[in-house]
Amino acid sequence: MNRRTVIFALVLAVVASGGYAAWPRYGDLRGFEPAEIAELETAMWRDHYEKRYLALFGHLYQM
């Protein structure tokens, strides 16, 4: 890859992540499920101790 392609890809990634961060999201506390959160948290701890960081990020995003 040439330098121009790399710069374009980085700019595109920054713009996409900025757009995602600025997208409005609303939390609903009535939809809170403690059992589901507990399962996600234990899965995240398992991922951490087994050094499966991509799965850990996936569970974190899901939470």
PDB file of N, CA and C in Angstrom:
ATOM      1  N   MET A   1       0.838  -1.183   0.000  1.00  0.00           N
ATOM      2  CA  MET A   1       0.000   0.000   0.000  1.00  0.00           C
ATOM      3  C   MET A   1       0.880   1.241   0.000  1.00  0.00           C
ATOM      4  N   ASN A   2       0.417   2.206  -0.697  1.00  0.00           N
ATOM      5  CA  ASN A   2       1.184   3.442  -0.692  1.00  0.00           C
ATOM      6  C   ASN A   2       0.712   4.353   0.447  1.00  0.00           C
ATOM      7  N   ARG A   3       1.452   5.397   0.653  1.00  0.00           N
ATOM      8  CA  ARG A   3       1.206   6.302   1.772  1.00  0.00           C
ATOM      9  C   ARG A   3      -0.162   6.971   1.678  1.00  0.00           C
ATOM     10  N   ARG A   4      -0.586   7.303   0.486  1.00  0.00           N
ATOM     11  CA  ARG A   4      -1.875   7.985   0.305  1.00  0.00           C
ATOM     12  C   ARG A   4      -3.042   7.089   0.719  1.00  0.00           C
ATOM     13  N   THR A   5      -2.955   5.811   0.415  1.00  0.00           N
ATOM     14  CA  THR A   5      -4.004   4.870   0.777  1.00  0.00           C
ATOM     15  C   THR A   5      -4.085   4.699   2.291  1.00  0.00           C
ATOM     16  N   VAL A   6      -2.941   4.631   2.948  1.00  0.00           N
ATOM     17  CA  VAL A   6      -2.908   4.481   4.399  1.00  0.00           C
ATOM     18  C   VAL A   6      -3.513   5.707   5.074  1.00  0.00           C
ATOM     19  N   ILE A   7      -3.161   6.884   4.618  1.00  0.00           N
ATOM     20  CA  ILE A   7      -3.704   8.119   5.189  1.00  0.00           C
ATOM     21  C   ILE A   7      -5.209   8.180   4.976  1.00  0.00           C
ATOM     22  N   PHE A   8      -5.670   7.815   3.795  1.00  0.00           N
ATOM     23  CA  PHE A   8      -7.106   7.808   3.517  1.00  0.00           C
ATOM     24  C   PHE A   8      -7.829   6.832   4.437  1.00  0.00           C
ATOM     25  N   ALA A   9      -7.265   5.660   4.652  1.00  0.00           N
ATOM     26  CA  ALA A   9      -7.892   4.665   5.530  1.00  0.00           C
ATOM     27  C   ALA A   9      -7.947   5.175   6.966  1.00  0.00           C
ATOM     28  N   LEU A  10      -6.888   5.817   7.434  1.00  0.00           N
ATOM     29  CA  LEU A  10      -6.888   6.369   8.789  1.00  0.00           C
ATOM     30  C   LEU A  10      -7.908   7.480   8.949  1.00  0.00           C
ATOM     31  N   VAL A  11      -7.991   8.365   7.974  1.00  0.00           N
ATOM     32  CA  VAL A  11      -8.976   9.446   8.035  1.00  0.00           C
ATOM     33  C   VAL A  11     -10.389   8.876   8.025  1.00  0.00           C
ATOM     34  N   LEU A  12     -10.626   7.891   7.197  1.00  0.00           N
ATOM     35  CA  LEU A  12     -11.940   7.250   7.134  1.00  0.00           C
ATOM     36  C   LEU A  12     -12.289   6.591   8.468  1.00  0.00           C
ATOM     37  N   ALA A  13     -11.331   5.933   9.102  1.00  0.00           N
ATOM     38  CA  ALA A  13     -11.568   5.294  10.399  1.00  0.00           C
ATOM     39  C   ALA A  13     -11.870   6.328  11.479  1.00  0.00           C
ATOM     40  N   VAL A  14     -11.157   7.446  11.467  1.00  0.00           N
ATOM     41  CA  VAL A  14     -11.392   8.500  12.458  1.00  0.00           C
ATOM     42  C   VAL A  14     -12.764   9.118  12.265  1.00  0.00           C
ATOM     43  N   VAL A  15     -13.146   9.382  11.038  1.00  0.00           N
ATOM     44  CA  VAL A  15     -14.457   9.967  10.759  1.00  0.00           C
ATOM     45  C   VAL A  15     -15.575   8.996  11.145  1.00  0.00           C
ATOM     46  N   ALA A  16     -15.400   7.716  10.841  1.00  0.00           N
ATOM     47  CA  ALA A  16     -16.419   6.726  11.179  1.00  0.00           C
ATOM     48  C   ALA A  16     -16.568   6.577  12.688  1.00  0.00           C
ATOM     49  N   SER A  17     -15.456   6.535  13.411  1.00  0.00           N
ATOM     50  CA  SER A  17     -15.549   6.404  14.863  1.00  0.00           C
ATOM     51  C   SER A  17     -16.120   7.670  15.502  1.00  0.00           C
ATOM     52  N   GLY A  18     -15.805   8.816  14.949  1.00  0.00           N
ATOM     53  CA  GLY A  18     -16.395  10.064  15.456  1.00  0.00           C
ATOM     54  C   GLY A  18     -17.889  10.121  15.211  1.00  0.00           C
ATOM     55  N   GLY A  19     -18.318   9.666  14.055  1.00  0.00           N
ATOM     56  CA  GLY A  19     -19.753   9.610  13.762  1.00  0.00           C
ATOM     57  C   GLY A  19     -20.480   8.647  14.671  1.00  0.00           C
ATOM     58  N   TYR A  20     -19.852   7.522  14.954  1.00  0.00           N
ATOM     59  CA  TYR A  20     -20.476   6.549  15.853  1.00  0.00           C
ATOM     60  C   TYR A  20     -20.575   7.112  17.271  1.00  0.00           C
ATOM     61  N   ALA A  21     -19.539   7.808  17.718  1.00  0.00           N
ATOM     62  CA  ALA A  21     -19.544   8.370  19.074  1.00  0.00           C
ATOM     63  C   ALA A  21     -20.584   9.478  19.209  1.00  0.00           C
ATOM     64  N   ALA A  22     -20.841  10.200  18.134  1.00  0.00           N
ATOM     65  CA  ALA A  22     -21.786  11.304  18.186  1.00  0.00           C
ATOM     66  C   ALA A  22     -23.241  10.862  17.976  1.00  0.00           C
ATOM     67  N   TRP A  23     -23.448   9.623  17.545  1.00  0.00           N
ATOM     68  CA  TRP A  23     -24.806   9.134  17.291  1.00  0.00           C
ATOM     69  C   TRP A  23     -25.568   9.046  18.617  1.00  0.00           C
ATOM     70  N   PRO A  24     -26.753   9.624  18.710  1.00  0.00           N
ATOM     71  CA  PRO A  24     -27.470   9.604  19.993  1.00  0.00           C
ATOM     72  C   PRO A  24     -27.954   8.204  20.363  1.00  0.00           C
ATOM     73  N   ARG A  25     -27.738   7.853  21.636  1.00  0.00           N
ATOM     74  CA  ARG A  25     -28.216   6.576  22.174  1.00  0.00           C
ATOM     75  C   ARG A  25     -28.951   6.887  23.473  1.00  0.00           C
ATOM     76  N   TYR A  26     -29.976   6.113  23.740  1.00  0.00           N
ATOM     77  CA  TYR A  26     -30.779   6.349  24.931  1.00  0.00           C
ATOM     78  C   TYR A  26     -30.827   5.086  25.779  1.00  0.00           C
ATOM     79  N   GLY A  27     -30.563   5.236  27.056  1.00  0.00           N
ATOM     80  CA  GLY A  27     -30.622   4.112  27.976  1.00  0.00           C
ATOM     81  C   GLY A  27     -32.016   3.986  28.578  1.00  0.00           C
ATOM     82  N   ASP A  28     -32.444   2.766  28.783  1.00  0.00           N
ATOM     83  CA  ASP A  28     -33.743   2.514  29.379  1.00  0.00           C
ATOM     84  C   ASP A  28     -33.532   1.640  30.615  1.00  0.00           C
ATOM     85  N   LEU A  29     -33.663   2.228  31.783  1.00  0.00           N
ATOM     86  CA  LEU A  29     -33.425   1.487  33.012  1.00  0.00           C
ATOM     87  C   LEU A  29     -34.506   0.442  33.276  1.00  0.00           C
ATOM     88  N   ARG A  30     -35.674   0.596  32.691  1.00  0.00           N
ATOM     89  CA  ARG A  30     -36.727  -0.404  32.874  1.00  0.00           C
ATOM     90  C   ARG A  30     -36.387  -1.692  32.146  1.00  0.00           C
ATOM     91  N   GLY A  31     -35.507  -1.618  31.165  1.00  0.00           N
ATOM     92  CA  GLY A  31     -35.102  -2.796  30.417  1.00  0.00           C
ATOM     93  C   GLY A  31     -33.892  -3.506  31.016  1.00  0.00           C
ATOM     94  N   PHE A  32     -33.467  -3.096  32.203  1.00  0.00           N
ATOM     95  CA  PHE A  32     -32.290  -3.679  32.857  1.00  0.00           C
ATOM     96  C   PHE A  32     -32.590  -5.115  33.273  1.00  0.00           C
ATOM     97  N   GLU A  33     -31.735  -6.024  32.854  1.00  0.00           N
ATOM     98  CA  GLU A  33     -31.867  -7.437  33.214  1.00  0.00           C
ATOM     99  C   GLU A  33     -30.627  -7.856  33.994  1.00  0.00           C
ATOM    100  N   PRO A  34     -30.727  -7.970  35.330  1.00  0.00           N
ATOM    101  CA  PRO A  34     -29.541  -8.289  36.126  1.00  0.00           C
ATOM    102  C   PRO A  34     -28.916  -9.640  35.780  1.00  0.00           C
ATOM    103  N   ALA A  35     -29.728 -10.636  35.468  1.00  0.00           N
ATOM    104  CA  ALA A  35     -29.179 -11.958  35.146  1.00  0.00           C
ATOM    105  C   ALA A  35     -28.369 -11.904  33.851  1.00  0.00           C
ATOM    106  N   GLU A  36     -28.849 -11.158  32.882  1.00  0.00           N
ATOM    107  CA  GLU A  36     -28.129 -11.032  31.603  1.00  0.00           C
ATOM    108  C   GLU A  36     -26.811 -10.290  31.799  1.00  0.00           C
ATOM    109  N   ILE A  37     -26.831  -9.239  32.612  1.00  0.00           N
ATOM    110  CA  ILE A  37     -25.608  -8.489  32.902  1.00  0.00           C
ATOM    111  C   ILE A  37     -24.607  -9.379  33.636  1.00  0.00           C
ATOM    112  N   ALA A  38     -25.089 -10.193  34.571  1.00  0.00           N
ATOM    113  CA  ALA A  38     -24.204 -11.097  35.311  1.00  0.00           C
ATOM    114  C   ALA A  38     -23.545 -12.102  34.374  1.00  0.00           C
ATOM    115  N   GLU A  39     -24.306 -12.648  33.422  1.00  0.00           N
ATOM    116  CA  GLU A  39     -23.731 -13.588  32.455  1.00  0.00           C
ATOM    117  C   GLU A  39     -22.669 -12.914  31.592  1.00  0.00           C
ATOM    118  N   LEU A  40     -22.965 -11.694  31.131  1.00  0.00           N
ATOM    119  CA  LEU A  40     -21.982 -10.971  30.327  1.00  0.00           C
ATOM    120  C   LEU A  40     -20.721 -10.668  31.130  1.00  0.00           C
ATOM    121  N   GLU A  41     -20.894 -10.276  32.374  1.00  0.00           N
ATOM    122  CA  GLU A  41     -19.726  -9.932  33.188  1.00  0.00           C
ATOM    123  C   GLU A  41     -18.854 -11.156  33.452  1.00  0.00           C
ATOM    124  N   THR A  42     -19.457 -12.295  33.758  1.00  0.00           N
ATOM    125  CA  THR A  42     -18.647 -13.492  33.983  1.00  0.00           C
ATOM    126  C   THR A  42     -17.967 -13.942  32.698  1.00  0.00           C
ATOM    127  N   ALA A  43     -18.644 -13.775  31.565  1.00  0.00           N
ATOM    128  CA  ALA A  43     -18.018 -14.109  30.281  1.00  0.00           C
ATOM    129  C   ALA A  43     -16.835 -13.186  30.006  1.00  0.00           C
ATOM    130  N   MET A  44     -16.973 -11.912  30.377  1.00  0.00           N
ATOM    131  CA  MET A  44     -15.876 -10.976  30.180  1.00  0.00           C
ATOM    132  C   MET A  44     -14.679 -11.330  31.059  1.00  0.00           C
ATOM    133  N   TRP A  45     -14.924 -11.770  32.304  1.00  0.00           N
ATOM    134  CA  TRP A  45     -13.822 -12.179  33.171  1.00  0.00           C
ATOM    135  C   TRP A  45     -13.135 -13.416  32.612  1.00  0.00           C
ATOM    136  N   ARG A  46     -13.916 -14.361  32.091  1.00  0.00           N
ATOM    137  CA  ARG A  46     -13.315 -15.555  31.487  1.00  0.00           C
ATOM    138  C   ARG A  46     -12.453 -15.165  30.302  1.00  0.00           C
ATOM    139  N   ASP A  47     -12.972 -14.281  29.462  1.00  0.00           N
ATOM    140  CA  ASP A  47     -12.206 -13.820  28.298  1.00  0.00           C
ATOM    141  C   ASP A  47     -10.910 -13.138  28.733  1.00  0.00           C
ATOM    142  N   HIS A  48     -10.989 -12.353  29.800  1.00  0.00           N
ATOM    143  CA  HIS A  48      -9.797 -11.645  30.284  1.00  0.00           C
ATOM    144  C   HIS A  48      -8.731 -12.627  30.762  1.00  0.00           C
ATOM    145  N   TYR A  49      -9.127 -13.593  31.579  1.00  0.00           N
ATOM    146  CA  TYR A  49      -8.148 -14.535  32.125  1.00  0.00           C
ATOM    147  C   TYR A  49      -7.608 -15.497  31.066  1.00  0.00           C
ATOM    148  N   GLU A  50      -8.391 -15.773  30.031  1.00  0.00           N
ATOM    149  CA  GLU A  50      -7.922 -16.641  28.948  1.00  0.00           C
ATOM    150  C   GLU A  50      -7.238 -15.844  27.845  1.00  0.00           C
ATOM    151  N   LYS A  51      -7.112 -14.532  28.051  1.00  0.00           N
ATOM    152  CA  LYS A  51      -6.446 -13.614  27.123  1.00  0.00           C
ATOM    153  C   LYS A  51      -7.070 -13.642  25.730  1.00  0.00           C
ATOM    154  N   ARG A  52      -8.392 -13.696  25.702  1.00  0.00           N
ATOM    155  CA  ARG A  52      -9.153 -13.612  24.447  1.00  0.00           C
ATOM    156  C   ARG A  52      -9.720 -12.196  24.367  1.00  0.00           C
ATOM    157  N   TYR A  53      -8.879 -11.263  23.963  1.00  0.00           N
ATOM    158  CA  TYR A  53      -9.229  -9.855  24.038  1.00  0.00           C
ATOM    159  C   TYR A  53     -10.266  -9.434  22.999  1.00  0.00           C
ATOM    160  N   LEU A  54     -10.308 -10.088  21.874  1.00  0.00           N
ATOM    161  CA  LEU A  54     -11.325  -9.745  20.879  1.00  0.00           C
ATOM    162  C   LEU A  54     -12.712 -10.149  21.388  1.00  0.00           C
ATOM    163  N   ALA A  55     -12.816 -11.326  21.996  1.00  0.00           N
ATOM    164  CA  ALA A  55     -14.085 -11.751  22.581  1.00  0.00           C
ATOM    165  C   ALA A  55     -14.470 -10.842  23.747  1.00  0.00           C
ATOM    166  N   LEU A  56     -13.475 -10.414  24.530  1.00  0.00           N
ATOM    167  CA  LEU A  56     -13.733  -9.496  25.637  1.00  0.00           C
ATOM    168  C   LEU A  56     -14.315  -8.185  25.125  1.00  0.00           C
ATOM    169  N   PHE A  57     -13.742  -7.655  24.058  1.00  0.00           N
ATOM    170  CA  PHE A  57     -14.267  -6.435  23.472  1.00  0.00           C
ATOM    171  C   PHE A  57     -15.686  -6.647  22.946  1.00  0.00           C
ATOM    172  N   GLY A  58     -15.942  -7.793  22.360  1.00  0.00           N
ATOM    173  CA  GLY A  58     -17.289  -8.090  21.863  1.00  0.00           C
ATOM    174  C   GLY A  58     -18.314  -8.118  22.983  1.00  0.00           C
ATOM    175  N   HIS A  59     -17.953  -8.733  24.107  1.00  0.00           N
ATOM    176  CA  HIS A  59     -18.873  -8.765  25.244  1.00  0.00           C
ATOM    177  C   HIS A  59     -19.041  -7.375  25.851  1.00  0.00           C
ATOM    178  N   LEU A  60     -17.966  -6.627  25.899  1.00  0.00           N
ATOM    179  CA  LEU A  60     -18.050  -5.264  26.420  1.00  0.00           C
ATOM    180  C   LEU A  60     -18.968  -4.414  25.550  1.00  0.00           C
ATOM    181  N   TYR A  61     -18.854  -4.565  24.253  1.00  0.00           N
ATOM    182  CA  TYR A  61     -19.720  -3.827  23.343  1.00  0.00           C
ATOM    183  C   TYR A  61     -21.173  -4.254  23.517  1.00  0.00           C
ATOM    184  N   GLN A  62     -21.378  -5.548  23.717  1.00  0.00           N
ATOM    185  CA  GLN A  62     -22.730  -6.053  23.900  1.00  0.00           C
ATOM    186  C   GLN A  62     -23.370  -5.508  25.177  1.00  0.00           C
ATOM    187  N   MET A  63     -22.544  -5.301  26.215  1.00  0.00           N
ATOM    188  CA  MET A  63     -23.067  -4.777  27.461  1.00  0.00           C
ATOM    189  C   MET A  63     -23.543  -3.350  27.268  1.00  0.00           C
TER     190      MET A  63
END
